PDB file of N, CA and C in Angstrom:
ATOM      1  N   MET A   1     -92.875-149.840-124.738  1.00  0.00           N
ATOM      2  CA  MET A   1     -93.164-151.062-124.141  1.00  0.00           C
ATOM      3  C   MET A   1     -94.581-151.456-124.415  1.00  0.00           C
ATOM      4  N   ASN A   2     -95.514-150.515-124.432  1.00  0.00           N
ATOM      5  CA  ASN A   2     -96.949-150.819-124.665  1.00  0.00           C
ATOM      6  C   ASN A   2     -97.372-150.854-126.016  1.00  0.00           C
ATOM      7  N   GLY A   3     -96.544-150.273-126.859  1.00  0.00           N
ATOM      8  CA  GLY A   3     -96.826-150.242-128.402  1.00  0.00           C
ATOM      9  C   GLY A   3     -97.783-149.102-128.696  1.00  0.00           C
ATOM     10  N   TRP A   4     -98.006-148.154-127.771  1.00  0.00           N
ATOM     11  CA  TRP A   4     -99.014-147.087-128.105  1.00  0.00           C
ATOM     12  C   TRP A   4     -98.381-146.181-129.090  1.00  0.00           C
ATOM     13  N   ASP A   5     -99.122-145.505-129.816  1.00  0.00           N
ATOM     14  CA  ASP A   5     -98.638-144.574-130.832  1.00  0.00           C
ATOM     15  C   ASP A   5     -98.189-143.329-130.206  1.00  0.00           C
ATOM     16  N   PRO A   6     -96.910-142.989-130.445  1.00  0.00           N
ATOM     17  CA  PRO A   6     -96.370-141.759-129.741  1.00  0.00           C
ATOM     18  C   PRO A   6     -96.984-140.492-130.304  1.00  0.00           C
ATOM     19  N   ALA A   7     -97.599-140.542-131.435  1.00  0.00           N
ATOM     20  CA  ALA A   7     -98.248-139.352-131.916  1.00  0.00           C
ATOM     21  C   ALA A   7     -99.443-138.888-131.084  1.00  0.00           C
ATOM     22  N   VAL A   8    -100.061-139.890-130.510  1.00  0.00           N
ATOM     23  CA  VAL A   8    -101.179-139.593-129.661  1.00  0.00           C
ATOM     24  C   VAL A   8    -100.727-138.882-128.420  1.00  0.00           C
ATOM     25  N   LEU A   9     -99.690-139.328-127.826  1.00  0.00           N
ATOM     26  CA  LEU A   9     -99.076-138.632-126.696  1.00  0.00           C
ATOM     27  C   LEU A   9     -98.593-137.181-127.117  1.00  0.00           C
ATOM     28  N   ALA A  10     -98.079-137.085-128.203  1.00  0.00           N
ATOM     29  CA  ALA A  10     -97.643-135.788-128.710  1.00  0.00           C
ATOM     30  C   ALA A  10     -98.801-134.747-128.850  1.00  0.00           C
ATOM     31  N   ARG A  11     -99.923-135.239-129.388  1.00  0.00           N
ATOM     32  CA  ARG A  11    -101.139-134.440-129.508  1.00  0.00           C
ATOM     33  C   ARG A  11    -101.641-134.065-128.097  1.00  0.00           C
ATOM     34  N   PHE A  12    -101.656-135.073-127.228  1.00  0.00           N
ATOM     35  CA  PHE A  12    -102.110-134.843-125.800  1.00  0.00           C
ATOM     36  C   PHE A  12    -101.251-133.667-125.177  1.00  0.00           C
ATOM     37  N   ARG A  13     -99.925-133.802-125.330  1.00  0.00           N
ATOM     38  CA  ARG A  13     -98.952-132.757-124.690  1.00  0.00           C
ATOM     39  C   ARG A  13     -99.114-131.423-125.407  1.00  0.00           C
ATOM     40  N   ALA A  14     -99.456-131.416-126.703  1.00  0.00           N
ATOM     41  CA  ALA A  14     -99.651-130.083-127.444  1.00  0.00           C
ATOM     42  C   ALA A  14    -100.913-129.445-127.120  1.00  0.00           C
ATOM     43  N   ASP A  15    -101.808-130.113-126.563  1.00  0.00           N
ATOM     44  CA  ASP A  15    -103.129-129.524-126.241  1.00  0.00           C
ATOM     45  C   ASP A  15    -103.053-128.279-125.344  1.00  0.00           C
ATOM     46  N   THR A  16    -103.696-127.230-125.663  1.00  0.00           N
ATOM     47  CA  THR A  16    -103.610-125.933-124.812  1.00  0.00           C
ATOM     48  C   THR A  16    -104.024-126.158-123.438  1.00  0.00           C
ATOM     49  N   VAL A  17    -105.023-126.983-123.136  1.00  0.00           N
ATOM     50  CA  VAL A  17    -105.467-127.151-121.770  1.00  0.00           C
ATOM     51  C   VAL A  17    -104.441-127.977-120.979  1.00  0.00           C
ATOM     52  N   VAL A  18    -103.809-128.966-121.616  1.00  0.00           N
ATOM     53  CA  VAL A  18    -102.767-129.701-121.021  1.00  0.00           C
ATOM     54  C   VAL A  18    -101.566-128.839-120.658  1.00  0.00           C
ATOM     55  N   GLN A  19    -101.186-127.986-121.655  1.00  0.00           N
ATOM     56  CA  GLN A  19    -100.031-127.094-121.455  1.00  0.00           C
ATOM     57  C   GLN A  19    -100.294-125.986-120.454  1.00  0.00           C
ATOM     58  N   SER A  20    -101.494-125.712-120.081  1.00  0.00           N
ATOM     59  CA  SER A  20    -101.846-124.716-119.170  1.00  0.00           C
ATOM     60  C   SER A  20    -101.520-125.104-117.648  1.00  0.00           C
ATOM     61  N   PHE A  21    -101.298-126.430-117.433  1.00  0.00           N
ATOM     62  CA  PHE A  21    -101.126-126.803-116.057  1.00  0.00           C
ATOM     63  C   PHE A  21     -99.683-126.796-115.704  1.00  0.00           C
ATOM     64  N   LEU A  22     -99.458-126.311-114.382  1.00  0.00           N
ATOM     65  CA  LEU A  22     -98.117-126.325-113.896  1.00  0.00           C
ATOM     66  C   LEU A  22     -97.986-127.375-112.822  1.00  0.00           C
ATOM     67  N   GLY A  23     -99.045-128.044-112.368  1.00  0.00           N
ATOM     68  CA  GLY A  23     -99.002-129.079-111.445  1.00  0.00           C
ATOM     69  C   GLY A  23     -99.773-130.273-111.896  1.00  0.00           C
ATOM     70  N   ALA A  24    -100.118-131.152-110.961  1.00  0.00           N
ATOM     71  CA  ALA A  24    -100.887-132.337-111.256  1.00  0.00           C
ATOM     72  C   ALA A  24    -102.352-131.988-111.743  1.00  0.00           C
ATOM     73  N   ILE A  25    -102.561-132.410-113.001  1.00  0.00           N
ATOM     74  CA  ILE A  25    -103.849-132.179-113.537  1.00  0.00           C
ATOM     75  C   ILE A  25    -105.065-132.693-112.730  1.00  0.00           C
ATOM     76  N   ASP A  26    -104.889-133.949-112.282  1.00  0.00           N
ATOM     77  CA  ASP A  26    -105.980-134.489-111.422  1.00  0.00           C
ATOM     78  C   ASP A  26    -106.195-133.834-110.103  1.00  0.00           C
ATOM     79  N   ASP A  27    -105.286-132.914-109.616  1.00  0.00           N
ATOM     80  CA  ASP A  27    -105.436-132.236-108.458  1.00  0.00           C
ATOM     81  C   ASP A  27    -106.019-130.809-108.694  1.00  0.00           C
ATOM     82  N   ARG A  28    -105.835-130.307-109.926  1.00  0.00           N
ATOM     83  CA  ARG A  28    -106.201-128.852-109.972  1.00  0.00           C
ATOM     84  C   ARG A  28    -107.255-128.640-111.166  1.00  0.00           C
ATOM     85  N   ALA A  29    -107.596-129.599-111.974  1.00  0.00           N
ATOM     86  CA  ALA A  29    -108.502-129.345-113.041  1.00  0.00           C
ATOM     87  C   ALA A  29    -109.943-129.182-112.589  1.00  0.00           C
ATOM     88  N   THR A  30    -110.662-128.392-113.339  1.00  0.00           N
ATOM     89  CA  THR A  30    -112.075-128.241-113.178  1.00  0.00           C
ATOM     90  C   THR A  30    -112.856-129.452-113.903  1.00  0.00           C
ATOM     91  N   GLN A  31    -114.149-129.552-113.618  1.00  0.00           N
ATOM     92  CA  GLN A  31    -114.933-130.586-114.195  1.00  0.00           C
ATOM     93  C   GLN A  31    -114.786-130.466-115.725  1.00  0.00           C
ATOM     94  N   ASP A  32    -114.980-129.179-116.185  1.00  0.00           N
ATOM     95  CA  ASP A  32    -114.900-128.950-117.671  1.00  0.00           C
ATOM     96  C   ASP A  32    -113.614-129.274-118.225  1.00  0.00           C
ATOM     97  N   GLN A  33    -112.526-128.974-117.504  1.00  0.00           N
ATOM     98  CA  GLN A  33    -111.193-129.291-118.039  1.00  0.00           C
ATOM     99  C   GLN A  33    -111.046-130.821-118.163  1.00  0.00           C
ATOM    100  N   LEU A  34    -111.456-131.501-117.042  1.00  0.00           N
ATOM    101  CA  LEU A  34    -111.302-133.008-117.118  1.00  0.00           C
ATOM    102  C   LEU A  34    -112.190-133.589-118.226  1.00  0.00           C
ATOM    103  N   GLU A  35    -113.358-133.029-118.453  1.00  0.00           N
ATOM    104  CA  GLU A  35    -114.124-133.568-119.489  1.00  0.00           C
ATOM    105  C   GLU A  35    -113.473-133.411-120.905  1.00  0.00           C
ATOM    106  N   HIS A  36    -112.829-132.186-121.038  1.00  0.00           N
ATOM    107  CA  HIS A  36    -111.994-131.932-122.255  1.00  0.00           C
ATOM    108  C   HIS A  36    -110.880-132.929-122.437  1.00  0.00           C
ATOM    109  N   LEU A  37    -110.200-133.133-121.284  1.00  0.00           N
ATOM    110  CA  LEU A  37    -108.946-133.985-121.400  1.00  0.00           C
ATOM    111  C   LEU A  37    -109.416-135.412-121.703  1.00  0.00           C
ATOM    112  N   ALA A  38    -110.578-135.883-121.219  1.00  0.00           N
ATOM    113  CA  ALA A  38    -110.995-137.148-121.518  1.00  0.00           C
ATOM    114  C   ALA A  38    -111.274-137.452-123.016  1.00  0.00           C
ATOM    115  N   THR A  39    -111.440-136.387-123.711  1.00  0.00           N
ATOM    116  CA  THR A  39    -111.587-136.491-125.143  1.00  0.00           C
ATOM    117  C   THR A  39    -110.252-136.757-125.881  1.00  0.00           C
ATOM    118  N   LEU A  40    -109.213-136.474-125.188  1.00  0.00           N
ATOM    119  CA  LEU A  40    -107.856-136.686-125.683  1.00  0.00           C
ATOM    120  C   LEU A  40    -107.173-138.010-125.401  1.00  0.00           C
ATOM    121  N   ILE A  41    -107.815-138.776-124.544  1.00  0.00           N
ATOM    122  CA  ILE A  41    -107.257-139.967-124.037  1.00  0.00           C
ATOM    123  C   ILE A  41    -107.891-141.219-124.665  1.00  0.00           C
ATOM    124  N   PRO A  42    -107.127-142.061-125.452  1.00  0.00           N
ATOM    125  CA  PRO A  42    -107.701-143.148-126.022  1.00  0.00           C
ATOM    126  C   PRO A  42    -108.155-144.259-125.010  1.00  0.00           C
ATOM    127  N   GLU A  43    -109.090-145.052-125.312  1.00  0.00           N
ATOM    128  CA  GLU A  43    -109.564-146.099-124.403  1.00  0.00           C
ATOM    129  C   GLU A  43    -108.460-147.063-124.068  1.00  0.00           C
ATOM    130  N   GLU A  44    -107.574-147.261-124.962  1.00  0.00           N
ATOM    131  CA  GLU A  44    -106.436-148.279-124.611  1.00  0.00           C
ATOM    132  C   GLU A  44    -105.564-147.799-123.494  1.00  0.00           C
ATOM    133  N   TRP A  45    -105.472-146.419-123.321  1.00  0.00           N
ATOM    134  CA  TRP A  45    -104.658-145.999-122.182  1.00  0.00           C
ATOM    135  C   TRP A  45    -105.336-146.149-120.902  1.00  0.00           C
ATOM    136  N   LEU A  46    -106.621-146.407-120.821  1.00  0.00           N
ATOM    137  CA  LEU A  46    -107.430-146.589-119.691  1.00  0.00           C
ATOM    138  C   LEU A  46    -107.796-148.010-119.420  1.00  0.00           C
ATOM    139  N   SER A  47    -107.407-148.879-120.275  1.00  0.00           N
ATOM    140  CA  SER A  47    -107.851-150.252-120.205  1.00  0.00           C
ATOM    141  C   SER A  47    -107.442-150.975-118.854  1.00  0.00           C
ATOM    142  N   ALA A  48    -106.369-150.546-118.291  1.00  0.00           N
ATOM    143  CA  ALA A  48    -105.869-151.267-117.128  1.00  0.00           C
ATOM    144  C   ALA A  48    -106.348-150.421-115.834  1.00  0.00           C
ATOM    145  N   ALA A  49    -106.949-149.217-116.045  1.00  0.00           N
ATOM    146  CA  ALA A  49    -107.324-148.475-114.931  1.00  0.00           C
ATOM    147  C   ALA A  49    -108.536-148.992-114.274  1.00  0.00           C
ATOM    148  N   ALA A  50    -108.590-148.775-112.926  1.00  0.00           N
ATOM    149  CA  ALA A  50    -109.799-149.222-112.133  1.00  0.00           C
ATOM    150  C   ALA A  50    -110.705-148.026-112.126  1.00  0.00           C
ATOM    151  N   ARG A  51    -111.963-148.203-112.761  1.00  0.00           N
ATOM    152  CA  ARG A  51    -112.820-147.095-112.864  1.00  0.00           C
ATOM    153  C   ARG A  51    -114.273-147.639-112.529  1.00  0.00           C
ATOM    154  N   GLY A  52    -115.065-146.744-112.080  1.00  0.00           N
ATOM    155  CA  GLY A  52    -116.464-147.016-111.832  1.00  0.00           C
ATOM    156  C   GLY A  52    -116.782-147.154-110.420  1.00  0.00           C
ATOM    157  N   ARG A  53    -117.762-148.103-110.094  1.00  0.00           N
ATOM    158  CA  ARG A  53    -118.130-148.302-108.748  1.00  0.00           C
ATOM    159  C   ARG A  53    -116.976-149.060-107.941  1.00  0.00           C
ATOM    160  N   PRO A  54    -117.093-148.856-106.579  1.00  0.00           N
ATOM    161  CA  PRO A  54    -116.009-149.432-105.802  1.00  0.00           C
ATOM    162  C   PRO A  54    -115.860-150.878-106.026  1.00  0.00           C
ATOM    163  N   GLU A  55    -116.850-151.638-106.223  1.00  0.00           N
ATOM    164  CA  GLU A  55    -116.771-153.115-106.481  1.00  0.00           C
ATOM    165  C   GLU A  55    -116.008-153.362-107.788  1.00  0.00           C
ATOM    166  N   ALA A  56    -116.211-152.602-108.816  1.00  0.00           N
ATOM    167  CA  ALA A  56    -115.524-152.709-110.073  1.00  0.00           C
ATOM    168  C   ALA A  56    -114.060-152.364-110.012  1.00  0.00           C
ATOM    169  N   CYS A  57    -113.814-151.336-109.181  1.00  0.00           N
ATOM    170  CA  CYS A  57    -112.403-150.978-108.996  1.00  0.00           C
ATOM    171  C   CYS A  57    -111.649-152.011-108.234  1.00  0.00           C
ATOM    172  N   ALA A  58    -112.348-152.568-107.169  1.00  0.00           N
ATOM    173  CA  ALA A  58    -111.658-153.624-106.301  1.00  0.00           C
ATOM    174  C   ALA A  58    -111.433-154.828-107.294  1.00  0.00           C
ATOM    175  N   ALA A  59    -112.410-155.137-108.158  1.00  0.00           N
ATOM    176  CA  ALA A  59    -112.277-156.283-109.006  1.00  0.00           C
ATOM    177  C   ALA A  59    -110.996-156.101-109.873  1.00  0.00           C
ATOM    178  N   GLU A  60    -110.811-154.903-110.419  1.00  0.00           N
ATOM    179  CA  GLU A  60    -109.602-154.618-111.273  1.00  0.00           C
ATOM    180  C   GLU A  60    -108.356-154.800-110.510  1.00  0.00           C
ATOM    181  N   VAL A  61    -108.277-154.225-109.281  1.00  0.00           N
ATOM    182  CA  VAL A  61    -107.174-154.461-108.482  1.00  0.00           C
ATOM    183  C   VAL A  61    -106.782-155.952-108.309  1.00  0.00           C
ATOM    184  N   ARG A  62    -107.896-156.744-107.999  1.00  0.00           N
ATOM    185  CA  ARG A  62    -107.577-158.165-107.810  1.00  0.00           C
ATOM    186  C   ARG A  62    -107.160-158.822-109.103  1.00  0.00           C
ATOM    187  N   ARG A  63    -107.744-158.449-110.226  1.00  0.00           N
ATOM    188  CA  ARG A  63    -107.284-158.890-111.538  1.00  0.00           C
ATOM    189  C   ARG A  63    -105.824-158.626-111.790  1.00  0.00           C
ATOM    190  N   GLN A  64    -105.414-157.460-111.421  1.00  0.00           N
ATOM    191  CA  GLN A  64    -103.903-157.078-111.646  1.00  0.00           C
ATOM    192  C   GLN A  64    -103.069-158.016-110.759  1.00  0.00           C
ATOM    193  N   PHE A  65    -103.472-158.205-109.529  1.00  0.00           N
ATOM    194  CA  PHE A  65    -102.697-159.111-108.683  1.00  0.00           C
ATOM    195  C   PHE A  65    -102.667-160.565-109.238  1.00  0.00           C
ATOM    196  N   ASP A  66    -103.881-160.939-109.809  1.00  0.00           N
ATOM    197  CA  ASP A  66    -103.956-162.305-110.254  1.00  0.00           C
ATOM    198  C   ASP A  66    -103.019-162.446-111.522  1.00  0.00           C
ATOM    199  N   LEU A  67    -102.699-161.264-112.208  1.00  0.00           N
ATOM    200  CA  LEU A  67    -101.821-161.267-113.365  1.00  0.00           C
ATOM    201  C   LEU A  67    -100.362-161.333-112.855  1.00  0.00           C
ATOM    202  N   GLY A  68    -100.146-161.101-111.610  1.00  0.00           N
ATOM    203  CA  GLY A  68     -98.764-161.261-111.043  1.00  0.00           C
ATOM    204  C   GLY A  68     -98.022-159.985-110.697  1.00  0.00           C
ATOM    205  N   VAL A  69     -98.807-158.814-110.633  1.00  0.00           N
ATOM    206  CA  VAL A  69     -98.112-157.525-110.285  1.00  0.00           C
ATOM    207  C   VAL A  69     -97.729-157.630-108.829  1.00  0.00           C
ATOM    208  N   ALA A  70     -96.744-156.829-108.519  1.00  0.00           N
ATOM    209  CA  ALA A  70     -96.290-156.800-107.086  1.00  0.00           C
ATOM    210  C   ALA A  70     -96.928-155.755-106.248  1.00  0.00           C
ATOM    211  N   GLY A  71     -97.564-154.836-106.884  1.00  0.00           N
ATOM    212  CA  GLY A  71     -98.281-153.800-106.264  1.00  0.00           C
ATOM    213  C   GLY A  71     -99.162-152.998-107.293  1.00  0.00           C
ATOM    214  N   VAL A  72    -100.149-152.304-106.725  1.00  0.00           N
ATOM    215  CA  VAL A  72    -100.989-151.427-107.526  1.00  0.00           C
ATOM    216  C   VAL A  72    -101.001-150.072-106.997  1.00  0.00           C
ATOM    217  N   ILE A  73    -100.720-149.084-107.810  1.00  0.00           N
ATOM    218  CA  ILE A  73    -100.663-147.671-107.415  1.00  0.00           C
ATOM    219  C   ILE A  73    -102.093-147.045-107.611  1.00  0.00           C
ATOM    220  N   MET A  74    -102.509-146.488-106.518  1.00  0.00           N
ATOM    221  CA  MET A  74    -103.966-145.862-106.528  1.00  0.00           C
ATOM    222  C   MET A  74    -103.656-144.410-106.411  1.00  0.00           C
ATOM    223  N   HIS A  75    -103.979-143.678-107.469  1.00  0.00           N
ATOM    224  CA  HIS A  75    -103.931-142.234-107.378  1.00  0.00           C
ATOM    225  C   HIS A  75    -105.000-141.604-108.241  1.00  0.00           C
ATOM    226  N   GLY A  76    -105.101-140.332-108.263  1.00  0.00           N
ATOM    227  CA  GLY A  76    -106.189-139.590-108.934  1.00  0.00           C
ATOM    228  C   GLY A  76    -107.470-139.589-108.192  1.00  0.00           C
ATOM    229  N   ALA A  77    -107.318-139.910-106.860  1.00  0.00           N
ATOM    230  CA  ALA A  77    -108.531-139.857-106.033  1.00  0.00           C
ATOM    231  C   ALA A  77    -108.085-139.511-104.629  1.00  0.00           C
ATOM    232  N   THR A  78    -109.001-139.045-103.944  1.00  0.00           N
ATOM    233  CA  THR A  78    -108.693-138.696-102.445  1.00  0.00           C
ATOM    234  C   THR A  78    -108.861-139.901-101.642  1.00  0.00           C
ATOM    235  N   PRO A  79    -108.298-139.908-100.413  1.00  0.00           N
ATOM    236  CA  PRO A  79    -108.465-140.978 -99.499  1.00  0.00           C
ATOM    237  C   PRO A  79    -109.965-141.343 -99.254  1.00  0.00           C
ATOM    238  N   ARG A  80    -110.741-140.288 -99.158  1.00  0.00           N
ATOM    239  CA  ARG A  80    -112.235-140.500 -98.978  1.00  0.00           C
ATOM    240  C   ARG A  80    -112.783-141.242-100.088  1.00  0.00           C
ATOM    241  N   GLU A  81    -112.382-140.911-101.305  1.00  0.00           N
ATOM    242  CA  GLU A  81    -112.885-141.617-102.491  1.00  0.00           C
ATOM    243  C   GLU A  81    -112.398-143.067-102.728  1.00  0.00           C
ATOM    244  N   LEU A  82    -111.091-143.288-102.130  1.00  0.00           N
ATOM    245  CA  LEU A  82    -110.620-144.638-102.162  1.00  0.00           C
ATOM    246  C   LEU A  82    -111.081-145.583-101.118  1.00  0.00           C
ATOM    247  N   ALA A  83    -111.644-144.926-100.022  1.00  0.00           N
ATOM    248  CA  ALA A  83    -111.968-145.841 -98.900  1.00  0.00           C
ATOM    249  C   ALA A  83    -113.039-146.927 -99.267  1.00  0.00           C
ATOM    250  N   PRO A  84    -114.056-146.631-100.108  1.00  0.00           N
ATOM    251  CA  PRO A  84    -114.982-147.650-100.431  1.00  0.00           C
ATOM    252  C   PRO A  84    -114.361-148.707-101.324  1.00  0.00           C
ATOM    253  N   VAL A  85    -113.402-148.362-102.087  1.00  0.00           N
ATOM    254  CA  VAL A  85    -112.589-149.321-102.999  1.00  0.00           C
ATOM    255  C   VAL A  85    -111.797-150.233-102.149  1.00  0.00           C
ATOM    256  N   VAL A  86    -111.112-149.645-101.140  1.00  0.00           N
ATOM    257  CA  VAL A  86    -110.273-150.469-100.196  1.00  0.00           C
ATOM    258  C   VAL A  86    -111.305-151.494 -99.423  1.00  0.00           C
ATOM    259  N   GLU A  87    -112.373-150.968 -99.016  1.00  0.00           N
ATOM    260  CA  GLU A  87    -113.341-151.843 -98.313  1.00  0.00           C
ATOM    261  C   GLU A  87    -113.817-152.971 -99.166  1.00  0.00           C
ATOM    262  N   ALA A  88    -114.194-152.683-100.428  1.00  0.00           N
ATOM    263  CA  ALA A  88    -114.668-153.640-101.306  1.00  0.00           C
ATOM    264  C   ALA A  88    -113.536-154.619-101.699  1.00  0.00           C
ATOM    265  N   TYR A  89    -112.310-154.225-101.708  1.00  0.00           N
ATOM    266  CA  TYR A  89    -111.118-155.036-102.025  1.00  0.00           C
ATOM    267  C   TYR A  89    -110.968-156.148-100.848  1.00  0.00           C
ATOM    268  N   ARG A  90    -111.191-155.639 -99.619  1.00  0.00           N
ATOM    269  CA  ARG A  90    -111.007-156.498 -98.500  1.00  0.00           C
ATOM    270  C   ARG A  90    -111.873-157.722 -98.681  1.00  0.00           C
ATOM    271  N   GLY A  91    -113.024-157.588 -99.248  1.00  0.00           N
ATOM    272  CA  GLY A  91    -113.890-158.784 -99.383  1.00  0.00           C
ATOM    273  C   GLY A  91    -113.538-159.702-100.457  1.00  0.00           C
ATOM    274  N   ILE A  92    -112.605-159.343-101.354  1.00  0.00           N
ATOM    275  CA  ILE A  92    -112.219-160.242-102.383  1.00  0.00           C
ATOM    276  C   ILE A  92    -110.774-160.534-102.438  1.00  0.00           C
ATOM    277  N   ARG A  93    -110.084-160.038-101.446  1.00  0.00           N
ATOM    278  CA  ARG A  93    -108.636-160.191-101.409  1.00  0.00           C
ATOM    279  C   ARG A  93    -108.206-161.680-101.159  1.00  0.00           C
ATOM    280  N   ARG A  94    -107.287-162.160-101.891  1.00  0.00           N
ATOM    281  CA  ARG A  94    -106.801-163.463-101.852  1.00  0.00           C
ATOM    282  C   ARG A  94    -106.042-163.618-100.424  1.00  0.00           C
ATOM    283  N   PRO A  95    -106.254-164.746 -99.784  1.00  0.00           N
ATOM    284  CA  PRO A  95    -105.571-164.966 -98.546  1.00  0.00           C
ATOM    285  C   PRO A  95    -104.075-164.968 -98.641  1.00  0.00           C
ATOM    286  N   ASP A  96    -103.533-165.469 -99.779  1.00  0.00           N
ATOM    287  CA  ASP A  96    -102.050-165.476 -99.901  1.00  0.00           C
ATOM    288  C   ASP A  96    -101.472-164.112 -99.998  1.00  0.00           C
ATOM    289  N   MET A  97    -102.352-163.050-100.113  1.00  0.00           N
ATOM    290  CA  MET A  97    -101.731-161.647-100.304  1.00  0.00           C
ATOM    291  C   MET A  97    -101.306-161.106 -98.938  1.00  0.00           C
ATOM    292  N   ASP A  98    -101.590-161.799 -97.853  1.00  0.00           N
ATOM    293  CA  ASP A  98    -101.141-161.377 -96.538  1.00  0.00           C
ATOM    294  C   ASP A  98     -99.710-161.231 -96.438  1.00  0.00           C
ATOM    295  N   ALA A  99     -98.915-161.961 -97.309  1.00  0.00           N
ATOM    296  CA  ALA A  99     -97.547-161.918 -97.390  1.00  0.00           C
ATOM    297  C   ALA A  99     -96.915-160.566 -97.958  1.00  0.00           C
ATOM    298  N   TYR A 100     -97.842-159.851 -98.759  1.00  0.00           N
ATOM    299  CA  TYR A 100     -97.368-158.724 -99.301  1.00  0.00           C
ATOM    300  C   TYR A 100     -97.376-157.543 -98.266  1.00  0.00           C
ATOM    301  N   PRO A 101     -96.477-156.557 -98.453  1.00  0.00           N
ATOM    302  CA  PRO A 101     -96.453-155.494 -97.490  1.00  0.00           C
ATOM    303  C   PRO A 101     -97.662-154.550 -97.846  1.00  0.00           C
ATOM    304  N   ALA A 102     -98.175-153.747 -96.795  1.00  0.00           N
ATOM    305  CA  ALA A 102     -99.309-152.855 -97.044  1.00  0.00           C
ATOM    306  C   ALA A 102     -98.889-151.870 -97.969  1.00  0.00           C
ATOM    307  N   ASN A 103     -97.582-151.310 -98.031  1.00  0.00           N
ATOM    308  CA  ASN A 103     -97.057-150.363 -98.907  1.00  0.00           C
ATOM    309  C   ASN A 103     -95.781-150.784 -99.534  1.00  0.00           C
ATOM    310  N   PRO A 104     -95.806-151.506-100.709  1.00  0.00           N
ATOM    311  CA  PRO A 104     -94.634-152.008-101.252  1.00  0.00           C
ATOM    312  C   PRO A 104     -93.633-150.977-101.679  1.00  0.00           C
ATOM    313  N   GLY A 105     -94.075-149.756-101.903  1.00  0.00           N
ATOM    314  CA  GLY A 105     -93.241-148.574-102.272  1.00  0.00           C
ATOM    315  C   GLY A 105     -92.336-148.336-101.138  1.00  0.00           C
ATOM    316  N   ARG A 106     -92.460-148.709 -99.986  1.00  0.00           N
ATOM    317  CA  ARG A 106     -91.718-148.444 -98.798  1.00  0.00           C
ATOM    318  C   ARG A 106     -90.804-149.575 -98.424  1.00  0.00           C
ATOM    319  N   MET A 107     -90.730-150.601 -99.229  1.00  0.00           N
ATOM    320  CA  MET A 107     -89.895-151.790 -98.901  1.00  0.00           C
ATOM    321  C   MET A 107     -88.516-151.345 -98.809  1.00  0.00           C
ATOM    322  N   ALA A 108     -87.742-151.865 -97.886  1.00  0.00           N
ATOM    323  CA  ALA A 108     -86.341-151.522 -97.748  1.00  0.00           C
ATOM    324  C   ALA A 108     -85.448-152.457 -98.603  1.00  0.00           C
TER     325      ALA A 108
END
């Protein structure tokens, strides 16, 4: 769907550090392991990710809603780490977003 080169994913999956994980990498990796994994991930894979200061992350969430998404998944961070992003987003959230459920993954 996104046109990414499948060989890049194959190289990522073949990496010995990647293969050593039995669970979620972002939950179990050390700083050194995460830094190594960062060398394996092309920038295009991260282009839609919200990264950086809370205000930058909130702006990316807003941008995705402006593009028409129905929801944004926030993972790879703890609730404590996400709290400043949520607070920053409150300040730029569009008023028409009040019609959206707080957790669209739980829609019946």
